[in-house]
Amino acid sequence: MFEPTTSREFYQTAARYYDAENAAMTDDLHFYSALMAEYGGPVLDVGCGTGRVTLHLAQEGARVVGVDYSPVMLARAGRKLDVLPDLRAQVTLIQGDAVDLSLTEQFRLILVTYNSFMHLYTPERQLAMLERLRARLLPGGVIAIDLPNPSDLFATADTGALVLERTFVEPESGHVVMQQSVSALDRAEQMMSVTWIYDELAEDGTVRRLVAPMRLRYVFPAEMDLLLRLAGLERAARYGDYDFSPFTDGAPRMIVLAQEAKR
């Protein structure tokens, strides 16, 4: 589902750090569990990465299809599935671009999880993916799109400062990794360019540095509503966080639930 630029390259380069740096990212899992309890399965997880959400919902009994462009990320998801053999019949992992992917199965719940929609850099590709997802939606089903609320970011000064994001232990090597970032915002194009810097500290004191650039496109509330309408969808709900709280000014997230538009 990603653009053929830095986002694809980022996940190819930094996949080995992804699970460790996102180990504390669990709040959205409860949100998706609640959606599955309401709408049921099967589930399509678009931009499934290493299977964080896919395997969680499979463990709760869902049939889940995970789609991701990065073969490296999917390989890591496959290795997780290897140690959970009871889930193998419930999970299908597909490598490909979700904008162009041909699927025949339809789904009651389609997830575009944490910031994945931001890897689509043009309205044309955003609309193309929404149309493709609508075609795969069962009657009464829902598409959930999880985005950051852009309002606070666009109001802040763009300093270009180096920021320490987190420190974590990479489990395969046991090394401590310091993750830092430098970002720049193009407000006219609604684009954020982020350079992620991973400093991995070896036992002998040497530092291995990995530099991984990424680009993200922000989406505003009215813009999303218009995209949905053009794709034959309509907004069913909009939340400001994973606790189903209202979307308001200053809310951390903009989580949109969309259904097929009533004719």
Protein backbone atom coordinates (compact mmCIF):
# COMPACT_ATOMS: atom_id res chain seq x y z
CA MET A 1 0.00 0.00 0.00
CA PHE A 2 3.01 2.28 0.22
CA GLU A 3 4.40 4.82 -2.20
CA PRO A 4 7.52 3.71 -4.15
CA THR A 5 9.80 6.00 -2.13
CA THR A 6 11.13 6.31 1.38
CA SER A 7 8.32 4.53 3.24
CA ARG A 8 9.02 1.25 1.48
CA GLU A 9 12.74 1.70 2.04
CA PHE A 10 12.20 2.49 5.72
CA TYR A 11 10.43 -0.78 6.48
CA GLN A 12 12.98 -2.75 4.50
CA THR A 13 15.79 -1.10 6.46
CA ALA A 14 14.41 -0.87 10.01
CA ALA A 15 12.21 -3.98 10.23
CA ARG A 16 14.47 -5.65 12.80
CA TYR A 17 13.76 -2.85 15.27
CA TYR A 18 10.03 -2.55 14.66
CA ASP A 19 8.67 -4.97 17.27
CA ALA A 20 11.01 -3.87 20.03
CA GLU A 21 10.36 -0.16 19.53
CA ASN A 22 6.59 -0.75 19.44
CA ALA A 23 6.42 -3.25 22.31
CA ALA A 24 4.43 -0.81 24.46
CA MET A 25 1.93 -0.13 21.67
CA THR A 26 -1.08 -2.08 22.99
CA ASP A 27 -3.87 0.48 23.53
CA ASP A 28 -5.22 0.04 20.01
CA LEU A 29 -5.49 -3.73 20.42
CA HIS A 30 -8.35 -3.33 22.89
CA PHE A 31 -10.02 -0.96 20.44
CA TYR A 32 -9.85 -3.47 17.58
CA SER A 33 -11.03 -6.27 19.86
CA ALA A 34 -14.11 -4.21 20.67
CA LEU A 35 -14.75 -3.56 16.98
CA MET A 36 -14.46 -7.25 16.20
CA ALA A 37 -16.88 -8.08 19.01
CA GLU A 38 -19.38 -5.67 17.44
CA TYR A 39 -18.93 -6.37 13.73
CA GLY A 40 -17.41 -9.85 13.64
CA GLY A 41 -15.07 -11.29 11.05
CA PRO A 42 -13.45 -12.06 8.77
CA VAL A 43 -10.92 -9.23 9.19
CA LEU A 44 -8.63 -7.58 6.64
CA ASP A 45 -5.56 -5.91 8.20
CA VAL A 46 -4.11 -3.46 5.66
CA GLY A 47 -0.46 -2.62 6.34
CA CYS A 48 -0.21 -5.53 8.78
CA GLY A 49 3.58 -5.27 9.13
CA THR A 50 4.96 -7.88 11.51
CA GLY A 51 1.48 -9.06 12.49
CA ARG A 52 0.99 -7.13 15.72
CA VAL A 53 -2.77 -6.61 15.20
CA THR A 54 -3.33 -9.59 12.87
CA LEU A 55 -2.10 -12.17 15.37
CA HIS A 56 -3.85 -10.49 18.30
CA LEU A 57 -7.24 -10.75 16.58
CA ALA A 58 -6.52 -14.30 15.39
CA GLN A 59 -5.82 -15.27 19.00
CA GLU A 60 -9.30 -13.94 19.80
CA GLY A 61 -10.81 -16.27 17.24
CA ALA A 62 -10.97 -14.18 14.07
CA ARG A 63 -10.12 -15.25 10.55
CA VAL A 64 -7.62 -12.55 9.48
CA VAL A 65 -5.97 -11.68 6.17
CA GLY A 66 -2.92 -9.45 6.59
CA VAL A 67 -1.59 -7.45 3.63
CA ASP A 68 1.71 -5.58 3.52
CA TYR A 69 4.08 -4.39 0.82
CA SER A 70 7.28 -5.21 2.73
CA PRO A 71 8.46 -8.82 2.39
CA VAL A 72 10.86 -8.25 5.29
CA MET A 73 8.06 -7.21 7.64
CA LEU A 74 5.87 -10.10 6.47
CA ALA A 75 8.74 -12.55 7.01
CA ARG A 76 8.85 -11.48 10.64
CA ALA A 77 5.07 -11.97 10.88
CA GLY A 78 5.52 -15.43 9.39
CA ARG A 79 8.13 -16.35 12.00
CA LYS A 80 5.74 -15.32 14.76
CA LEU A 81 3.06 -17.48 13.17
CA ASP A 82 5.48 -20.42 13.11
CA VAL A 83 5.51 -20.48 16.92
CA LEU A 84 1.70 -20.20 17.04
CA PRO A 85 0.74 -23.20 14.87
CA ASP A 86 -2.82 -23.28 16.20
CA LEU A 87 -3.43 -19.95 14.42
CA ARG A 88 -2.14 -20.99 11.02
CA ALA A 89 -5.55 -21.96 9.68
CA GLN A 90 -6.95 -18.56 10.70
CA VAL A 91 -4.24 -16.29 9.24
CA THR A 92 -3.29 -15.54 5.65
CA LEU A 93 -0.38 -13.20 4.92
CA ILE A 94 -0.20 -11.55 1.49
CA GLN A 95 2.64 -9.46 0.10
CA GLY A 96 1.51 -6.67 -2.19
CA ASP A 97 0.28 -3.12 -2.66
CA ALA A 98 -3.23 -2.78 -1.20
CA VAL A 99 -4.13 -0.18 -3.83
CA ASP A 100 -3.68 -2.74 -6.62
CA LEU A 101 -4.16 -6.04 -4.80
CA SER A 102 -6.76 -8.42 -6.20
CA LEU A 103 -8.78 -10.12 -3.47
CA THR A 104 -11.99 -12.08 -3.89
CA GLU A 105 -12.81 -12.52 -0.20
CA GLN A 106 -15.03 -9.96 1.54
CA PHE A 107 -14.73 -8.79 5.12
CA ARG A 108 -16.89 -7.47 7.94
CA LEU A 109 -14.01 -5.54 9.47
CA ILE A 110 -11.24 -3.82 7.50
CA LEU A 111 -8.44 -2.15 9.46
CA VAL A 112 -6.01 0.50 8.24
CA THR A 113 -4.05 0.57 11.47
CA TYR A 114 -1.70 3.03 13.13
CA ASN A 115 -0.76 5.74 10.59
CA SER A 116 -0.74 3.32 7.63
CA PHE A 117 -3.01 5.56 5.55
CA MET A 118 -0.34 8.29 5.80
CA HIS A 119 1.90 6.32 3.42
CA LEU A 120 -0.42 7.25 0.55
CA TYR A 121 0.95 10.57 -0.68
CA THR A 122 -1.67 11.68 -3.19
CA PRO A 123 -5.47 12.01 -3.12
CA GLU A 124 -5.60 9.76 -6.17
CA ARG A 125 -3.95 6.86 -4.36
CA GLN A 126 -5.94 7.51 -1.18
CA LEU A 127 -9.17 7.38 -3.17
CA ALA A 128 -8.06 4.31 -5.11
CA MET A 129 -7.41 2.37 -1.91
CA LEU A 130 -10.71 3.43 -0.31
CA GLU A 131 -12.58 2.30 -3.43
CA ARG A 132 -10.73 -1.03 -3.37
CA LEU A 133 -11.56 -1.52 0.31
CA ARG A 134 -15.22 -0.64 -0.21
CA ALA A 135 -15.43 -3.38 -2.84
CA ARG A 136 -14.18 -5.90 -0.27
CA LEU A 137 -16.60 -4.82 2.49
CA LEU A 138 -19.51 -7.07 3.40
CA PRO A 139 -22.92 -5.43 3.91
CA GLY A 140 -23.04 -3.88 7.37
CA GLY A 141 -19.26 -4.08 7.70
CA VAL A 142 -16.94 -1.25 8.67
CA ILE A 143 -13.55 0.18 7.70
CA ALA A 144 -11.46 1.62 10.57
CA ILE A 145 -8.74 4.14 9.70
CA ASP A 146 -6.41 5.23 12.51
CA LEU A 147 -4.65 8.57 12.00
CA PRO A 148 -3.07 11.24 14.21
CA ASN A 149 -5.03 14.43 14.82
CA PRO A 150 -3.09 16.93 12.66
CA SER A 151 -4.31 20.11 14.37
CA ASP A 152 -1.72 20.43 17.16
CA LEU A 153 1.22 19.51 14.94
CA PHE A 154 0.35 22.08 12.30
CA ALA A 155 0.14 24.79 14.97
CA THR A 156 3.62 24.15 16.42
CA ALA A 157 6.97 25.58 15.36
CA ASP A 158 9.11 23.40 13.10
CA THR A 159 12.48 23.45 14.91
CA GLY A 160 14.38 20.66 13.14
CA ALA A 161 15.71 19.51 16.52
CA LEU A 162 17.10 16.03 17.16
CA VAL A 163 14.66 14.25 19.50
CA LEU A 164 15.32 11.14 21.59
CA GLU A 165 12.17 9.09 21.02
CA ARG A 166 12.87 6.01 23.13
CA THR A 167 15.50 3.54 24.30
CA PHE A 168 14.80 -0.18 23.97
CA VAL A 169 16.54 -3.55 23.89
CA GLU A 170 16.67 -5.32 20.52
CA PRO A 171 15.87 -8.91 21.54
CA GLU A 172 17.82 -10.78 18.87
CA SER A 173 21.15 -9.18 19.76
CA GLY A 174 20.39 -8.06 23.32
CA HIS A 175 21.81 -4.64 22.43
CA VAL A 176 20.45 -1.37 23.75
CA VAL A 177 19.16 0.86 20.95
CA MET A 178 18.63 4.60 21.19
CA GLN A 179 16.01 5.77 18.70
CA GLN A 180 16.15 9.43 17.70
CA SER A 181 14.40 11.49 15.04
CA VAL A 182 14.68 14.71 13.08
CA SER A 183 11.55 15.92 11.29
CA ALA A 184 10.51 18.68 8.92
CA LEU A 185 6.94 19.66 8.04
CA ASP A 186 5.78 20.96 4.69
CA ARG A 187 2.42 22.49 5.60
CA ALA A 188 1.52 23.37 2.03
CA GLU A 189 1.81 19.73 0.94
CA GLN A 190 0.71 18.28 4.32
CA MET A 191 3.89 16.19 4.31
CA MET A 192 6.13 15.26 7.22
CA SER A 193 9.66 14.08 6.43
CA VAL A 194 11.22 12.15 9.31
CA THR A 195 14.74 10.80 9.57
CA TRP A 196 14.88 8.02 12.16
CA ILE A 197 18.29 7.37 13.69
CA TYR A 198 18.95 4.08 15.49
CA ASP A 199 22.15 3.90 17.55
CA GLU A 200 22.77 0.29 18.58
CA LEU A 201 25.26 -0.12 21.44
CA ALA A 202 27.34 -3.31 21.30
CA GLU A 203 28.97 -5.03 24.30
CA ASP A 204 32.40 -3.73 23.34
CA GLY A 205 31.19 -0.13 23.39
CA THR A 206 31.00 0.36 19.64
CA VAL A 207 27.95 2.06 18.17
CA ARG A 208 26.26 0.89 15.00
CA ARG A 209 24.15 3.68 13.48
CA LEU A 210 21.23 3.07 11.13
CA VAL A 211 19.63 6.06 9.39
CA ALA A 212 16.16 5.44 7.94
CA PRO A 213 14.15 8.25 6.29
CA MET A 214 10.37 8.21 6.04
CA ARG A 215 7.63 10.46 4.63
CA LEU A 216 4.06 10.74 5.91
CA ARG A 217 1.08 12.69 4.59
CA TYR A 218 -1.35 14.19 7.08
CA VAL A 219 -5.11 14.11 6.46
CA PHE A 220 -7.57 16.64 7.88
CA PRO A 221 -11.09 15.72 9.08
CA ALA A 222 -13.08 17.38 6.29
CA GLU A 223 -10.63 16.01 3.71
CA MET A 224 -11.21 12.48 4.97
CA ASP A 225 -14.98 12.92 4.85
CA LEU A 226 -14.72 14.05 1.23
CA LEU A 227 -12.47 11.12 0.27
CA LEU A 228 -14.95 8.71 1.83
CA ARG A 229 -17.84 10.28 -0.05
CA LEU A 230 -16.00 10.07 -3.37
CA ALA A 231 -15.24 6.40 -2.69
CA GLY A 232 -18.90 5.55 -2.07
CA LEU A 233 -18.45 5.45 1.70
CA GLU A 234 -19.70 7.54 4.60
CA ARG A 235 -18.39 8.24 8.06
CA ALA A 236 -20.20 6.16 10.69
CA ALA A 237 -18.17 7.44 13.66
CA ARG A 238 -15.06 9.40 14.53
CA TYR A 239 -13.08 9.02 17.75
CA GLY A 240 -10.25 10.94 19.37
CA ASP A 241 -8.51 7.97 20.99
CA TYR A 242 -8.63 4.22 21.48
CA ASP A 243 -11.05 4.54 24.42
CA PHE A 244 -13.81 5.63 21.98
CA SER A 245 -13.67 9.18 23.35
CA PRO A 246 -15.06 11.94 21.07
CA PHE A 247 -12.89 13.54 18.42
CA THR A 248 -12.28 17.08 19.65
CA ASP A 249 -9.65 19.78 19.29
CA GLY A 250 -6.53 18.47 21.00
CA ALA A 251 -7.48 14.78 20.82
CA PRO A 252 -4.39 12.64 20.13
CA ARG A 253 -5.92 10.51 17.37
CA MET A 254 -8.45 10.77 14.54
CA ILE A 255 -9.96 7.30 14.20
CA VAL A 256 -12.59 7.12 11.48
CA LEU A 257 -15.11 4.34 11.02
CA ALA A 258 -16.58 4.21 7.51
CA GLN A 259 -19.39 2.17 5.98
CA GLU A 260 -20.81 1.85 2.51
CA ALA A 261 -22.91 4.91 1.74
CA LYS A 262 -26.67 4.47 1.81
CA ARG A 263 -28.19 4.68 -1.63
